[in-house]
């Protein structure tokens, strides 16, 4: 069983990309199976972040997404790529 860690993402306070890098290291260090990564992610984010994730995934429940799907969904929302039109 994985050891407890204070690794938590707090919306509006932490950097999402840095958090995911650290979480992936946590998975490796604690031998977290791919099947459990979604559950670990969803239990290591703040309540506000979980609400955002739930809203972004609707009508699907976040627990029914893969870890990578959740990362992509939240990354698109929190770290949008600059528009090529706006760059010109």
N, C-alpha and C. Protein backbone atom coordinates (compact mmCIF):
# COMPACT_ATOMS: atom_id res chain seq x y z
N UNK A 1 0.84 -1.18 0.00
CA UNK A 1 0.00 0.00 0.00
C UNK A 1 0.89 1.24 0.00
N UNK A 2 0.47 2.26 -0.74
CA UNK A 2 1.25 3.49 -0.85
C UNK A 2 1.25 4.26 0.46
N UNK A 3 2.35 4.92 0.70
CA UNK A 3 2.46 5.74 1.89
C UNK A 3 1.71 7.05 1.69
N UNK A 4 1.23 7.61 2.78
CA UNK A 4 0.52 8.88 2.72
C UNK A 4 1.49 10.00 2.38
N UNK A 5 1.01 10.97 1.66
CA UNK A 5 1.82 12.12 1.29
C UNK A 5 0.95 13.36 1.31
N UNK A 6 1.55 14.49 1.57
CA UNK A 6 0.82 15.75 1.59
C UNK A 6 0.75 16.36 0.19
N UNK A 7 1.02 15.58 -0.82
CA UNK A 7 1.00 16.05 -2.19
C UNK A 7 -0.44 16.35 -2.59
N UNK A 8 -0.79 17.63 -2.60
CA UNK A 8 -2.15 18.04 -2.92
C UNK A 8 -2.10 19.22 -3.87
N UNK A 9 -3.05 19.28 -4.80
CA UNK A 9 -3.17 20.42 -5.71
C UNK A 9 -4.27 21.32 -5.20
N UNK A 10 -3.94 22.61 -5.02
CA UNK A 10 -4.92 23.59 -4.58
C UNK A 10 -5.13 24.58 -5.71
N UNK A 11 -6.35 24.62 -6.22
CA UNK A 11 -6.72 25.48 -7.33
C UNK A 11 -6.45 26.94 -6.98
N UNK A 12 -5.82 27.65 -7.89
CA UNK A 12 -5.53 29.06 -7.67
C UNK A 12 -4.25 29.31 -6.89
N UNK A 13 -3.63 28.25 -6.41
CA UNK A 13 -2.42 28.39 -5.61
C UNK A 13 -1.24 27.64 -6.23
N UNK A 14 -1.49 26.45 -6.76
CA UNK A 14 -0.42 25.60 -7.29
C UNK A 14 -0.41 25.61 -8.82
N UNK A 15 0.75 25.27 -9.38
CA UNK A 15 0.91 25.16 -10.82
C UNK A 15 0.55 23.73 -11.25
N UNK A 16 -0.42 23.60 -12.14
CA UNK A 16 -0.94 22.29 -12.55
C UNK A 16 0.14 21.41 -13.18
N UNK A 17 0.91 21.96 -14.13
CA UNK A 17 1.91 21.16 -14.83
C UNK A 17 2.98 20.64 -13.86
N UNK A 18 3.42 21.49 -12.94
CA UNK A 18 4.41 21.07 -11.94
C UNK A 18 3.82 20.01 -11.03
N UNK A 19 2.57 20.20 -10.64
CA UNK A 19 1.90 19.23 -9.77
C UNK A 19 1.83 17.85 -10.44
N UNK A 20 1.46 17.81 -11.71
CA UNK A 20 1.35 16.53 -12.41
C UNK A 20 2.71 15.86 -12.52
N UNK A 21 3.76 16.63 -12.78
CA UNK A 21 5.11 16.05 -12.81
C UNK A 21 5.44 15.40 -11.47
N UNK A 22 5.15 16.09 -10.39
CA UNK A 22 5.43 15.56 -9.05
C UNK A 22 4.56 14.33 -8.76
N UNK A 23 3.30 14.38 -9.18
CA UNK A 23 2.40 13.25 -8.95
C UNK A 23 2.87 12.01 -9.71
N UNK A 24 3.34 12.21 -10.93
CA UNK A 24 3.86 11.07 -11.70
C UNK A 24 5.09 10.47 -11.01
N UNK A 25 5.92 11.30 -10.40
CA UNK A 25 7.07 10.80 -9.63
C UNK A 25 6.59 10.03 -8.40
N UNK A 26 5.52 10.52 -7.78
CA UNK A 26 4.92 9.84 -6.64
C UNK A 26 4.44 8.45 -7.05
N UNK A 27 3.81 8.35 -8.24
CA UNK A 27 3.35 7.06 -8.74
C UNK A 27 4.52 6.08 -8.88
N UNK A 28 5.62 6.56 -9.44
CA UNK A 28 6.80 5.70 -9.63
C UNK A 28 7.38 5.29 -8.29
N UNK A 29 7.58 6.26 -7.40
CA UNK A 29 8.21 5.99 -6.11
C UNK A 29 7.39 5.03 -5.25
N UNK A 30 6.07 5.05 -5.42
CA UNK A 30 5.19 4.23 -4.60
C UNK A 30 4.56 3.06 -5.35
N UNK A 31 5.08 2.78 -6.55
CA UNK A 31 4.59 1.66 -7.36
C UNK A 31 3.06 1.67 -7.51
N UNK A 32 2.52 2.83 -7.86
CA UNK A 32 1.07 2.96 -8.04
C UNK A 32 0.70 2.41 -9.42
N UNK A 33 -0.15 1.40 -9.44
CA UNK A 33 -0.59 0.79 -10.70
C UNK A 33 -1.42 1.79 -11.51
N UNK A 34 -1.34 1.65 -12.82
CA UNK A 34 -2.07 2.54 -13.73
C UNK A 34 -3.56 2.56 -13.38
N UNK A 35 -4.10 1.41 -12.99
CA UNK A 35 -5.53 1.32 -12.67
C UNK A 35 -5.92 2.18 -11.47
N UNK A 36 -4.96 2.52 -10.63
CA UNK A 36 -5.26 3.30 -9.42
C UNK A 36 -4.90 4.78 -9.55
N UNK A 37 -4.27 5.16 -10.64
CA UNK A 37 -3.79 6.53 -10.78
C UNK A 37 -4.91 7.56 -10.80
N UNK A 38 -6.02 7.25 -11.43
CA UNK A 38 -7.16 8.17 -11.44
C UNK A 38 -7.65 8.40 -10.02
N UNK A 39 -7.83 7.34 -9.27
CA UNK A 39 -8.31 7.46 -7.89
C UNK A 39 -7.34 8.25 -7.03
N UNK A 40 -6.05 8.02 -7.20
CA UNK A 40 -5.06 8.77 -6.43
C UNK A 40 -5.14 10.26 -6.78
N UNK A 41 -5.19 10.57 -8.06
CA UNK A 41 -5.30 11.97 -8.48
C UNK A 41 -6.53 12.62 -7.86
N UNK A 42 -7.67 11.97 -7.96
CA UNK A 42 -8.93 12.56 -7.48
C UNK A 42 -8.98 12.71 -5.97
N UNK A 43 -8.18 11.94 -5.25
CA UNK A 43 -8.16 12.07 -3.79
C UNK A 43 -7.05 13.00 -3.31
N UNK A 44 -6.20 13.46 -4.21
CA UNK A 44 -5.10 14.35 -3.83
C UNK A 44 -5.27 15.75 -4.40
N UNK A 45 -6.49 16.10 -4.77
CA UNK A 45 -6.78 17.46 -5.19
C UNK A 45 -7.77 18.06 -4.20
N UNK A 46 -7.75 19.39 -4.10
CA UNK A 46 -8.64 20.07 -3.16
C UNK A 46 -10.10 19.92 -3.60
N UNK A 47 -11.00 20.23 -2.69
CA UNK A 47 -12.44 20.15 -2.99
C UNK A 47 -12.81 21.07 -4.15
N UNK A 48 -12.24 22.27 -4.18
CA UNK A 48 -12.52 23.20 -5.29
C UNK A 48 -12.03 22.64 -6.61
N UNK A 49 -10.87 22.02 -6.58
CA UNK A 49 -10.33 21.42 -7.80
C UNK A 49 -11.19 20.25 -8.26
N UNK A 50 -11.65 19.44 -7.31
CA UNK A 50 -12.51 18.31 -7.67
C UNK A 50 -13.80 18.81 -8.32
N UNK A 51 -14.35 19.88 -7.78
CA UNK A 51 -15.57 20.46 -8.36
C UNK A 51 -15.31 20.90 -9.80
N UNK A 52 -14.18 21.54 -10.04
CA UNK A 52 -13.82 21.95 -11.40
C UNK A 52 -13.69 20.73 -12.31
N UNK A 53 -12.99 19.71 -11.85
CA UNK A 53 -12.80 18.49 -12.64
C UNK A 53 -14.15 17.85 -12.96
N UNK A 54 -15.01 17.78 -11.97
CA UNK A 54 -16.34 17.19 -12.17
C UNK A 54 -17.12 17.99 -13.22
N UNK A 55 -17.06 19.31 -13.13
CA UNK A 55 -17.76 20.16 -14.11
C UNK A 55 -17.19 19.98 -15.52
N UNK A 56 -15.87 19.90 -15.61
CA UNK A 56 -15.23 19.74 -16.92
C UNK A 56 -15.52 18.38 -17.55
N UNK A 57 -15.74 17.37 -16.73
CA UNK A 57 -15.99 16.01 -17.23
C UNK A 57 -17.46 15.73 -17.51
N UNK A 58 -18.35 16.55 -16.99
CA UNK A 58 -19.78 16.30 -17.10
C UNK A 58 -20.17 16.05 -18.55
N UNK A 59 -21.04 15.10 -18.81
CA UNK A 59 -21.85 14.33 -17.88
C UNK A 59 -21.15 13.07 -17.34
N UNK A 60 -19.93 12.79 -17.80
CA UNK A 60 -19.19 11.63 -17.30
C UNK A 60 -18.63 11.94 -15.92
N UNK A 61 -18.58 10.93 -15.06
CA UNK A 61 -17.98 11.12 -13.73
C UNK A 61 -16.46 11.06 -13.87
N UNK A 62 -15.75 11.89 -13.10
CA UNK A 62 -14.28 11.88 -13.19
C UNK A 62 -13.67 10.50 -12.96
N UNK A 63 -14.25 9.70 -12.08
CA UNK A 63 -13.69 8.37 -11.78
C UNK A 63 -13.74 7.44 -12.99
N UNK A 64 -14.55 7.77 -13.98
CA UNK A 64 -14.67 6.94 -15.18
C UNK A 64 -13.68 7.34 -16.28
N UNK A 65 -12.87 8.35 -16.02
CA UNK A 65 -11.84 8.79 -16.96
C UNK A 65 -10.50 8.17 -16.56
N UNK A 66 -9.60 8.08 -17.52
CA UNK A 66 -8.24 7.63 -17.19
C UNK A 66 -7.47 8.81 -16.60
N UNK A 67 -6.37 8.50 -15.96
CA UNK A 67 -5.50 9.54 -15.42
C UNK A 67 -5.12 10.52 -16.52
N UNK A 68 -4.67 10.01 -17.66
CA UNK A 68 -4.23 10.88 -18.75
C UNK A 68 -5.37 11.72 -19.30
N UNK A 69 -6.57 11.16 -19.39
CA UNK A 69 -7.71 11.95 -19.86
C UNK A 69 -7.98 13.11 -18.91
N UNK A 70 -7.93 12.85 -17.60
CA UNK A 70 -8.15 13.92 -16.62
C UNK A 70 -7.07 14.99 -16.72
N UNK A 71 -5.82 14.56 -16.85
CA UNK A 71 -4.72 15.51 -16.98
C UNK A 71 -4.93 16.39 -18.21
N UNK A 72 -5.30 15.78 -19.32
CA UNK A 72 -5.52 16.54 -20.56
C UNK A 72 -6.68 17.51 -20.43
N UNK A 73 -7.77 17.08 -19.82
CA UNK A 73 -8.96 17.93 -19.66
C UNK A 73 -8.62 19.14 -18.80
N UNK A 74 -7.98 18.91 -17.67
CA UNK A 74 -7.65 20.02 -16.77
C UNK A 74 -6.57 20.90 -17.37
N UNK A 75 -5.60 20.31 -18.04
CA UNK A 75 -4.54 21.10 -18.68
C UNK A 75 -5.10 22.03 -19.74
N UNK A 76 -6.04 21.55 -20.52
CA UNK A 76 -6.66 22.38 -21.55
C UNK A 76 -7.37 23.57 -20.91
N UNK A 77 -7.97 23.36 -19.75
CA UNK A 77 -8.68 24.43 -19.07
C UNK A 77 -7.73 25.40 -18.35
N UNK A 78 -6.77 24.87 -17.62
CA UNK A 78 -5.90 25.72 -16.80
C UNK A 78 -4.68 26.26 -17.55
N UNK A 79 -4.25 25.56 -18.59
CA UNK A 79 -3.03 25.94 -19.32
C UNK A 79 -3.31 25.97 -20.81
N UNK A 80 -4.25 26.81 -21.24
CA UNK A 80 -4.61 26.81 -22.67
C UNK A 80 -3.42 27.25 -23.53
N UNK A 81 -3.33 26.64 -24.70
CA UNK A 81 -2.28 27.03 -25.64
C UNK A 81 -2.68 28.36 -26.27
N UNK A 82 -1.71 29.25 -26.50
CA UNK A 82 -2.04 30.53 -27.11
C UNK A 82 -2.61 30.35 -28.52
N UNK A 83 -3.56 31.17 -28.85
CA UNK A 83 -4.17 31.14 -30.17
C UNK A 83 -3.18 31.66 -31.20
N UNK A 84 -3.06 30.96 -32.33
CA UNK A 84 -2.17 31.42 -33.40
C UNK A 84 -2.64 32.76 -33.94
N UNK A 85 -3.94 32.98 -33.97
CA UNK A 85 -4.49 34.23 -34.45
C UNK A 85 -4.08 35.38 -33.53
N UNK A 86 -4.12 35.15 -32.24
CA UNK A 86 -3.77 36.18 -31.27
C UNK A 86 -2.27 36.47 -31.28
N UNK A 87 -1.46 35.50 -31.70
CA UNK A 87 -0.01 35.65 -31.73
C UNK A 87 0.44 36.61 -32.82
N UNK A 88 -0.38 36.77 -33.85
CA UNK A 88 0.02 37.58 -35.02
C UNK A 88 -0.10 39.04 -34.77
